Amino acid sequence: MNKLTTAVWEITMGCNMRCKHCGSSCAEALPDELNTSEALEVCDQLKDLGLKVITLSGGEPTTRSDWHIIAKRLVDNGIITSIITNGWLID
C-alpha cells in the first residue's frame, strides 16, 4: 500500500484579495473552519501518517491569525512545510 507523503492543505477559504488570475473562488472564511486546537490535532495526525511534505494554502493562509502556529507545529513534527501566499499580510 502506498503511503501519503505529500499534501496541500487549504487552511482557510478566507482571502483578502480578489486576483483575476486566481482559480480559487475564496472570499470569506467559512464558519465551520477548524479552530487552532483542531488544526494542531490535524498536524499531529499528519505526522502519524508519515507525511513528509505539505503546502499550506487557501484562500490566503495568512488571514488566519494562527497560521504561524500551524506551520510551526508541522515543522516541529518534521514535515517540510511551504506556504502559498499573496504576501500582503506578512510583516
C-alpha atoms as a PDB file:
ATOM      1  CA  MET A   1       0.000   0.000   0.000  1.00  0.00           C
ATOM      2  CA  ASN A   2       1.334   3.451  -0.914  1.00  0.00           C
ATOM      3  CA  LYS A   3       1.748   5.926   1.929  1.00  0.00           C
ATOM      4  CA  LEU A   4       0.676   9.535   1.784  1.00  0.00           C
ATOM      5  CA  THR A   5       3.883  11.594   1.604  1.00  0.00           C
ATOM      6  CA  THR A   6       2.839  14.969   0.164  1.00  0.00           C
ATOM      7  CA  ALA A   7      -0.259  17.111   0.695  1.00  0.00           C
ATOM      8  CA  VAL A   8      -1.767  20.542   0.120  1.00  0.00           C
ATOM      9  CA  TRP A   9      -3.913  21.846   2.981  1.00  0.00           C
ATOM     10  CA  GLU A  10      -6.322  24.726   2.428  1.00  0.00           C
ATOM     11  CA  ILE A  11      -6.312  26.037   5.994  1.00  0.00           C
ATOM     12  CA  THR A  12      -8.899  28.727   5.216  1.00  0.00           C
ATOM     13  CA  MET A  13     -11.207  29.857   2.474  1.00  0.00           C
ATOM     14  CA  GLY A  14     -10.751  33.466   3.583  1.00  0.00           C
ATOM     15  CA  CYS A  15      -8.829  35.774   1.256  1.00  0.00           C
ATOM     16  CA  ASN A  16      -8.036  39.481   1.373  1.00  0.00           C
ATOM     17  CA  MET A  17      -7.599  39.832  -2.414  1.00  0.00           C
ATOM     18  CA  ARG A  18      -9.703  39.074  -5.478  1.00  0.00           C
ATOM     19  CA  CYS A  19      -6.956  38.349  -8.009  1.00  0.00           C
ATOM     20  CA  LYS A  20      -8.232  37.878 -11.548  1.00  0.00           C
ATOM     21  CA  HIS A  21      -5.603  35.235 -12.282  1.00  0.00           C
ATOM     22  CA  CYS A  22      -6.517  33.108  -9.250  1.00  0.00           C
ATOM     23  CA  GLY A  23      -8.518  29.948  -9.833  1.00  0.00           C
ATOM     24  CA  SER A  24      -9.854  29.947  -6.275  1.00  0.00           C
ATOM     25  CA  SER A  25     -13.296  31.314  -5.516  1.00  0.00           C
ATOM     26  CA  CYS A  26     -12.340  32.220  -1.949  1.00  0.00           C
ATOM     27  CA  ALA A  27     -13.517  35.355  -0.212  1.00  0.00           C
ATOM     28  CA  GLU A  28     -14.724  34.965   3.374  1.00  0.00           C
ATOM     29  CA  ALA A  29     -13.586  32.321   5.830  1.00  0.00           C
ATOM     30  CA  LEU A  30     -16.159  29.580   6.275  1.00  0.00           C
ATOM     31  CA  PRO A  31     -17.956  29.492   9.637  1.00  0.00           C
ATOM     32  CA  ASP A  32     -17.005  25.855  10.244  1.00  0.00           C
ATOM     33  CA  GLU A  33     -13.260  26.111   9.622  1.00  0.00           C
ATOM     34  CA  LEU A  34     -11.009  24.317  12.100  1.00  0.00           C
ATOM     35  CA  ASN A  35     -10.054  26.226  15.220  1.00  0.00           C
ATOM     36  CA  THR A  36      -6.426  26.289  16.362  1.00  0.00           C
ATOM     37  CA  SER A  37      -6.722  23.234  18.585  1.00  0.00           C
ATOM     38  CA  GLU A  38      -8.389  21.196  15.837  1.00  0.00           C
ATOM     39  CA  ALA A  39      -5.796  22.293  13.273  1.00  0.00           C
ATOM     40  CA  LEU A  40      -2.941  21.303  15.587  1.00  0.00           C
ATOM     41  CA  GLU A  41      -4.554  17.891  16.036  1.00  0.00           C
ATOM     42  CA  VAL A  42      -4.572  17.504  12.238  1.00  0.00           C
ATOM     43  CA  CYS A  43      -0.860  18.415  12.230  1.00  0.00           C
ATOM     44  CA  ASP A  44      -0.186  15.591  14.668  1.00  0.00           C
ATOM     45  CA  GLN A  45      -2.324  13.162  12.670  1.00  0.00           C
ATOM     46  CA  LEU A  46      -0.382  14.038   9.505  1.00  0.00           C
ATOM     47  CA  LYS A  47       2.862  13.251  11.339  1.00  0.00           C
ATOM     48  CA  ASP A  48       1.428   9.915  12.470  1.00  0.00           C
ATOM     49  CA  LEU A  49       0.506   9.146   8.845  1.00  0.00           C
ATOM     50  CA  GLY A  50       4.142   9.675   7.860  1.00  0.00           C
ATOM     51  CA  LEU A  51       3.588  12.819   5.790  1.00  0.00           C
ATOM     52  CA  LYS A  52       6.898  14.309   4.606  1.00  0.00           C
ATOM     53  CA  VAL A  53       5.953  17.498   2.705  1.00  0.00           C
ATOM     54  CA  ILE A  54       2.991  19.882   2.962  1.00  0.00           C
ATOM     55  CA  THR A  55       1.965  23.152   1.356  1.00  0.00           C
ATOM     56  CA  LEU A  56      -0.400  25.453   3.242  1.00  0.00           C
ATOM     57  CA  SER A  57      -2.783  27.339   1.000  1.00  0.00           C
ATOM     58  CA  GLY A  58      -6.323  28.642   0.903  1.00  0.00           C
ATOM     59  CA  GLY A  59      -7.753  31.232   0.376  1.00  0.00           C
ATOM     60  CA  GLU A  60      -4.958  33.266   1.850  1.00  0.00           C
ATOM     61  CA  PRO A  61      -3.393  31.316   4.729  1.00  0.00           C
ATOM     62  CA  THR A  62      -2.061  34.442   6.434  1.00  0.00           C
ATOM     63  CA  THR A  63      -5.607  35.728   7.016  1.00  0.00           C
ATOM     64  CA  ARG A  64      -5.695  33.170   9.845  1.00  0.00           C
ATOM     65  CA  SER A  65      -4.221  34.721  12.970  1.00  0.00           C
ATOM     66  CA  ASP A  66      -2.815  31.298  13.892  1.00  0.00           C
ATOM     67  CA  TRP A  67      -1.228  30.328  10.555  1.00  0.00           C
ATOM     68  CA  HIS A  68       2.280  30.557  12.015  1.00  0.00           C
ATOM     69  CA  ILE A  69       1.301  28.297  14.933  1.00  0.00           C
ATOM     70  CA  ILE A  70       0.023  25.669  12.488  1.00  0.00           C
ATOM     71  CA  ALA A  71       3.159  25.961  10.347  1.00  0.00           C
ATOM     72  CA  LYS A  72       5.426  25.681  13.407  1.00  0.00           C
ATOM     73  CA  ARG A  73       3.682  22.506  14.585  1.00  0.00           C
ATOM     74  CA  LEU A  74       4.149  20.953  11.154  1.00  0.00           C
ATOM     75  CA  VAL A  75       7.851  21.883  11.114  1.00  0.00           C
ATOM     76  CA  ASP A  76       8.291  20.669  14.697  1.00  0.00           C
ATOM     77  CA  ASN A  77       6.705  17.387  13.554  1.00  0.00           C
ATOM     78  CA  GLY A  78       9.452  17.028  10.927  1.00  0.00           C
ATOM     79  CA  ILE A  79       7.229  17.884   7.962  1.00  0.00           C
ATOM     80  CA  ILE A  80       8.780  20.084   5.255  1.00  0.00           C
ATOM     81  CA  THR A  81       6.348  22.997   5.120  1.00  0.00           C
ATOM     82  CA  SER A  82       5.773  25.654   2.466  1.00  0.00           C
ATOM     83  CA  ILE A  83       3.061  28.257   2.070  1.00  0.00           C
ATOM     84  CA  ILE A  84       1.317  29.736  -0.945  1.00  0.00           C
ATOM     85  CA  THR A  85       0.548  33.367  -0.107  1.00  0.00           C
ATOM     86  CA  ASN A  86      -0.032  36.684  -1.810  1.00  0.00           C
ATOM     87  CA  GLY A  87       2.372  38.109   0.779  1.00  0.00           C
ATOM     88  CA  TRP A  88       0.199  41.098   1.567  1.00  0.00           C
ATOM     89  CA  LEU A  89      -0.147  40.381   5.291  1.00  0.00           C
ATOM     90  CA  ILE A  90       3.393  39.211   6.038  1.00  0.00           C
ATOM     91  CA  ASP A  91       5.158  41.816   8.119  1.00  0.00           C
END
